[in-house]
Amino acid sequence: MTRPTPSHVARPPRAPGQVRTRALWCVVALCLALTAGSGIAMALRAPSEPAPPSAPVLHLGGLDVPLPASFEATDPGTRLFYPGRRGQPLAVVTGAAVLEPGVCPEVPDSSRGFVGLAEVSDQRLLAAHRAALRRWRTGLAIGVGGRPRVHRVDAGEGRMRTDLVLRNRRNGPCQPPRVAVSVLSARTSRGVATIVLVRDVGVDGALGDAAADLLLDGARASAVARGGTSVQADLRGTPTLRNS
């Protein structure tokens, strides 16, 4: 687990329906900052191949992201972030799902990884991807430590993917030796959506390279969800409740 130092924010009483706010920063056996201001939509509909009913599909900024059943969605109104040097949210995802939550009993909100929406941008694909990548490289250098090894991955037409692998320099229980991060940007009907997958490497229960590739390759332009109630991230990450 890569682990930024925990930082707890006092929570005032909240009105019914108010999004929950809490912050603690850690990285994988993953503990990260959790704060208000995201949206998530889940559907139990199959991707290209039939999936078990327990396997969710995240709707993130115009992309459908089918997940393995070992992922669990975070509560609506939750952000995960690596803070900058002054403690401000820097590398942020909304609408996230986490892998193996609670994997490390000694670390609150631990997990083996997460995936979520970094942003939807009106920039061109290359510019949007580079901007997101800069934020994540900086946030990871602070939160995990060290300079990453950078791998460009062929993601297909209208998509860009860059993988970062870092040696974890954080001490603490359940820490992995390395952390891998994949930044995927894709053109959608809403703009360029960028999703980020962060995962432990080199420990039991970690998401392997092949499974990570399958998850990211499966992220496709969203179809219209039918039926049910969902919360979906809009261009600014603001929760939008939708009944369809």
Protein backbone atom coordinates (compact mmCIF):
# COMPACT_ATOMS: atom_id res chain seq x y z
CA MET A 1 0.00 0.00 0.00
CA THR A 2 1.45 3.35 -0.85
CA ARG A 3 0.52 5.62 1.94
CA PRO A 4 0.40 9.42 2.11
CA THR A 5 0.16 10.65 5.66
CA PRO A 6 -3.42 10.48 7.05
CA SER A 7 -5.02 13.89 7.46
CA HIS A 8 -8.46 14.08 9.03
CA VAL A 9 -10.90 16.93 8.44
CA ALA A 10 -13.58 17.70 11.00
CA ARG A 11 -17.07 17.04 9.71
CA PRO A 12 -19.94 19.37 10.64
CA PRO A 13 -23.45 17.95 11.00
CA ARG A 14 -24.91 17.42 7.55
CA ALA A 15 -28.40 17.91 6.29
CA PRO A 16 -30.31 14.98 4.78
CA GLY A 17 -29.04 14.30 1.29
CA GLN A 18 -25.86 16.33 1.78
CA VAL A 19 -22.77 14.71 0.31
CA ARG A 20 -20.37 13.31 2.86
CA THR A 21 -16.98 14.94 3.31
CA ARG A 22 -13.93 13.32 4.75
CA ALA A 23 -10.28 13.51 3.98
CA LEU A 24 -7.38 11.27 4.66
CA TRP A 25 -4.56 10.79 2.35
CA CYS A 26 -2.88 7.57 1.63
CA VAL A 27 -1.94 5.53 -1.37
CA VAL A 28 -2.38 1.88 -1.92
CA ALA A 29 -2.99 -0.84 0.14
CA LEU A 30 -4.33 2.34 -0.95
CA CYS A 31 -5.61 5.03 1.24
CA LEU A 32 -6.38 8.35 -0.42
CA ALA A 33 -8.17 11.57 0.30
CA LEU A 34 -11.94 11.28 0.25
CA THR A 35 -13.87 14.52 -0.14
CA ALA A 36 -17.18 15.79 -1.43
CA GLY A 37 -17.82 16.61 -5.04
CA SER A 38 -18.06 13.66 -7.39
CA GLY A 39 -20.66 11.70 -9.24
CA ILE A 40 -20.95 8.04 -10.07
CA ALA A 41 -23.35 5.99 -12.10
CA MET A 42 -23.44 2.23 -11.93
CA ALA A 43 -25.27 -0.24 -14.08
CA LEU A 44 -25.40 -4.01 -13.97
CA ARG A 45 -25.47 -4.36 -17.72
CA ALA A 46 -23.03 -6.53 -19.56
CA PRO A 47 -20.04 -5.17 -21.50
CA SER A 48 -19.03 -6.83 -24.76
CA GLU A 49 -18.94 -10.23 -23.03
CA PRO A 50 -21.48 -11.32 -20.40
CA ALA A 51 -20.39 -10.38 -16.90
CA PRO A 52 -21.58 -11.65 -13.53
CA PRO A 53 -24.46 -9.60 -12.09
CA SER A 54 -22.13 -8.34 -9.36
CA ALA A 55 -19.71 -6.75 -11.84
CA PRO A 56 -20.52 -3.03 -12.16
CA VAL A 57 -20.06 -0.69 -15.09
CA LEU A 58 -18.91 2.81 -14.19
CA HIS A 59 -20.19 5.65 -16.37
CA LEU A 60 -17.39 8.21 -16.32
CA GLY A 61 -17.47 11.34 -18.45
CA GLY A 62 -19.00 9.65 -21.47
CA LEU A 63 -17.10 6.37 -21.04
CA ASP A 64 -18.45 3.03 -19.84
CA VAL A 65 -15.84 1.20 -17.78
CA PRO A 66 -16.71 -2.46 -17.03
CA LEU A 67 -15.11 -3.59 -13.77
CA PRO A 68 -14.15 -6.93 -12.22
CA ALA A 69 -16.46 -7.98 -9.40
CA SER A 70 -13.67 -7.34 -6.86
CA PHE A 71 -14.19 -3.58 -7.28
CA GLU A 72 -16.67 -1.65 -5.14
CA ALA A 73 -18.07 1.80 -5.93
CA THR A 74 -17.39 4.68 -3.58
CA ASP A 75 -20.33 6.66 -2.23
CA PRO A 76 -21.73 9.42 -4.45
CA GLY A 77 -20.10 12.70 -3.47
CA THR A 78 -16.64 11.16 -2.96
CA ARG A 79 -13.36 12.24 -4.49
CA LEU A 80 -10.03 10.44 -4.22
CA PHE A 81 -6.94 12.60 -4.51
CA TYR A 82 -3.24 12.93 -3.99
CA PRO A 83 -2.54 16.33 -2.42
CA GLY A 84 0.00 18.84 -3.63
CA ARG A 85 2.81 20.19 -1.48
CA ARG A 86 0.45 22.60 0.27
CA GLY A 87 -2.16 19.93 0.92
CA GLN A 88 -4.53 21.01 -1.86
CA PRO A 89 -6.20 18.33 -4.02
CA LEU A 90 -3.92 17.91 -7.03
CA ALA A 91 -4.40 14.55 -8.75
CA VAL A 92 -8.13 13.88 -8.34
CA VAL A 93 -10.65 11.27 -9.48
CA THR A 94 -14.41 11.29 -9.02
CA GLY A 95 -17.00 8.58 -9.48
CA ALA A 96 -14.42 6.02 -8.39
CA ALA A 97 -14.49 2.33 -7.58
CA VAL A 98 -11.89 0.69 -5.33
CA LEU A 99 -10.27 -2.75 -5.50
CA GLU A 100 -10.43 -4.99 -2.40
CA PRO A 101 -11.51 -2.28 0.08
CA GLY A 102 -10.38 -2.86 3.65
CA VAL A 103 -7.47 -5.06 2.60
CA CYS A 104 -5.21 -3.71 5.37
CA PRO A 105 -6.93 -3.72 8.80
CA GLU A 106 -4.32 -1.33 10.21
CA VAL A 107 -5.04 1.37 7.63
CA PRO A 108 -8.50 2.99 7.42
CA ASP A 109 -10.00 3.04 3.92
CA SER A 110 -7.23 0.86 2.52
CA SER A 111 -7.56 -0.93 -0.81
CA ARG A 112 -5.45 -2.48 -3.55
CA GLY A 113 -6.28 0.19 -6.11
CA PHE A 114 -8.95 2.38 -7.66
CA VAL A 115 -10.23 3.71 -10.96
CA GLY A 116 -12.15 6.93 -11.57
CA LEU A 117 -12.71 10.02 -13.72
CA ALA A 118 -9.94 12.61 -13.65
CA GLU A 119 -11.69 15.16 -15.88
CA VAL A 120 -13.59 15.88 -19.07
CA SER A 121 -11.82 18.56 -21.09
CA ASP A 122 -12.68 20.65 -24.14
CA GLN A 123 -9.00 20.65 -25.13
CA ARG A 124 -7.61 18.55 -27.94
CA LEU A 125 -6.76 14.96 -27.08
CA LEU A 126 -2.99 15.45 -26.78
CA ALA A 127 -3.26 18.63 -24.71
CA ALA A 128 -5.85 17.13 -22.35
CA HIS A 129 -3.80 13.98 -21.86
CA ARG A 130 -0.59 15.87 -21.16
CA ALA A 131 -2.29 18.18 -18.65
CA ALA A 132 -3.75 15.25 -16.71
CA LEU A 133 -0.46 13.40 -16.85
CA ARG A 134 1.43 16.37 -15.36
CA ARG A 135 -0.91 16.51 -12.38
CA TRP A 136 -0.65 12.80 -11.72
CA ARG A 137 3.13 12.68 -12.06
CA THR A 138 3.43 15.50 -9.54
CA GLY A 139 0.86 14.06 -7.13
CA LEU A 140 2.45 10.62 -7.25
CA ALA A 141 5.95 12.01 -6.69
CA ILE A 142 4.66 13.60 -3.49
CA GLY A 143 2.36 10.77 -2.40
CA VAL A 144 4.45 7.75 -3.36
CA GLY A 145 7.93 9.14 -3.88
CA GLY A 146 10.51 8.99 -6.61
CA ARG A 147 10.42 9.49 -10.35
CA PRO A 148 8.21 7.13 -12.34
CA ARG A 149 9.16 4.94 -15.24
CA VAL A 150 6.98 6.11 -18.12
CA HIS A 151 5.49 3.78 -20.74
CA ARG A 152 3.46 4.95 -23.74
CA VAL A 153 0.79 2.41 -24.65
CA ASP A 154 -0.99 2.16 -28.00
CA ALA A 155 -4.64 2.64 -27.02
CA GLY A 156 -6.15 2.86 -30.49
CA GLU A 157 -7.76 5.61 -32.57
CA GLY A 158 -8.99 8.63 -30.61
CA ARG A 159 -7.34 7.48 -27.38
CA MET A 160 -4.06 8.03 -25.53
CA ARG A 161 -2.67 6.00 -22.65
CA THR A 162 0.43 6.51 -20.51
CA ASP A 163 1.49 4.16 -17.72
CA LEU A 164 3.64 5.22 -14.77
CA VAL A 165 5.40 2.77 -12.44
CA LEU A 166 6.95 4.01 -9.22
CA ARG A 167 8.96 2.39 -6.47
CA ASN A 168 7.03 2.99 -3.26
CA ARG A 169 9.16 4.95 -0.81
CA ARG A 170 6.54 5.11 1.94
CA ASN A 171 6.88 3.11 5.14
CA GLY A 172 3.97 1.56 6.99
CA PRO A 173 1.83 -1.55 7.19
CA CYS A 174 0.74 -3.39 4.04
CA GLN A 175 2.83 -1.28 1.67
CA PRO A 176 3.47 -2.64 -1.85
CA PRO A 177 6.95 -2.45 -3.35
CA ARG A 178 5.64 -0.58 -6.40
CA VAL A 179 2.62 1.37 -7.58
CA ALA A 180 1.37 1.44 -11.19
CA VAL A 181 -0.80 4.21 -12.62
CA SER A 182 -2.50 4.25 -16.02
CA VAL A 183 -3.80 7.55 -17.44
CA LEU A 184 -6.24 6.98 -20.32
CA SER A 185 -7.73 9.84 -22.34
CA ALA A 186 -10.40 9.25 -24.98
CA ARG A 187 -12.62 11.36 -27.20
CA THR A 188 -16.29 11.17 -26.23
CA SER A 189 -19.46 13.06 -27.10
CA ARG A 190 -18.78 15.31 -24.09
CA GLY A 191 -15.15 16.12 -24.85
CA VAL A 192 -11.94 14.33 -23.95
CA ALA A 193 -12.53 12.13 -20.91
CA THR A 194 -9.53 11.06 -18.84
CA ILE A 195 -9.78 8.14 -16.46
CA VAL A 196 -7.03 6.96 -14.11
CA LEU A 197 -6.34 3.48 -12.75
CA VAL A 198 -4.03 3.23 -9.71
CA ARG A 199 -2.97 -0.17 -8.37
CA ASP A 200 -0.54 -1.96 -6.10
CA VAL A 201 2.17 -4.05 -7.75
CA GLY A 202 4.05 -7.00 -6.29
CA VAL A 203 1.66 -8.07 -3.52
CA ASP A 204 -1.03 -10.73 -3.15
CA GLY A 205 -4.42 -9.58 -4.39
CA ALA A 206 -3.04 -6.90 -6.68
CA LEU A 207 -4.58 -6.33 -10.10
CA GLY A 208 -2.19 -7.82 -12.66
CA ASP A 209 -1.01 -6.21 -15.89
CA ALA A 210 -3.30 -8.32 -18.09
CA ALA A 211 -6.36 -7.53 -15.96
CA ALA A 212 -5.48 -3.82 -15.97
CA ASP A 213 -5.16 -3.87 -19.77
CA LEU A 214 -8.52 -5.63 -20.05
CA LEU A 215 -10.20 -3.04 -17.83
CA LEU A 216 -8.78 -0.07 -19.75
CA ASP A 217 -9.32 -1.60 -23.18
CA GLY A 218 -12.95 -2.19 -22.19
CA ALA A 219 -13.59 1.51 -21.54
CA ARG A 220 -15.81 2.61 -24.44
CA ALA A 221 -18.13 5.45 -25.37
CA SER A 222 -21.24 5.27 -23.20
CA ALA A 223 -24.53 3.91 -24.41
CA VAL A 224 -27.71 5.40 -22.96
CA ALA A 225 -28.53 3.80 -19.61
CA ARG A 226 -32.13 2.65 -19.30
CA GLY A 227 -34.13 2.38 -16.14
CA GLY A 228 -33.18 2.94 -12.52
CA THR A 229 -31.65 5.89 -10.75
CA SER A 230 -28.05 6.91 -11.18
CA VAL A 231 -25.68 9.68 -10.25
CA GLN A 232 -23.47 10.68 -13.14
CA ALA A 233 -20.40 12.92 -13.22
CA ASP A 234 -20.87 15.92 -15.46
CA LEU A 235 -18.08 17.94 -17.08
CA ARG A 236 -17.12 19.59 -13.80
CA GLY A 237 -17.49 16.54 -11.60
CA THR A 238 -20.69 17.85 -10.01
CA PRO A 239 -23.13 15.13 -8.96
CA THR A 240 -26.24 15.11 -11.15
CA LEU A 241 -29.09 12.88 -10.00
CA ARG A 242 -30.89 11.36 -12.95
CA ASN A 243 -33.98 9.16 -13.05
CA SER A 244 -34.38 7.39 -16.37
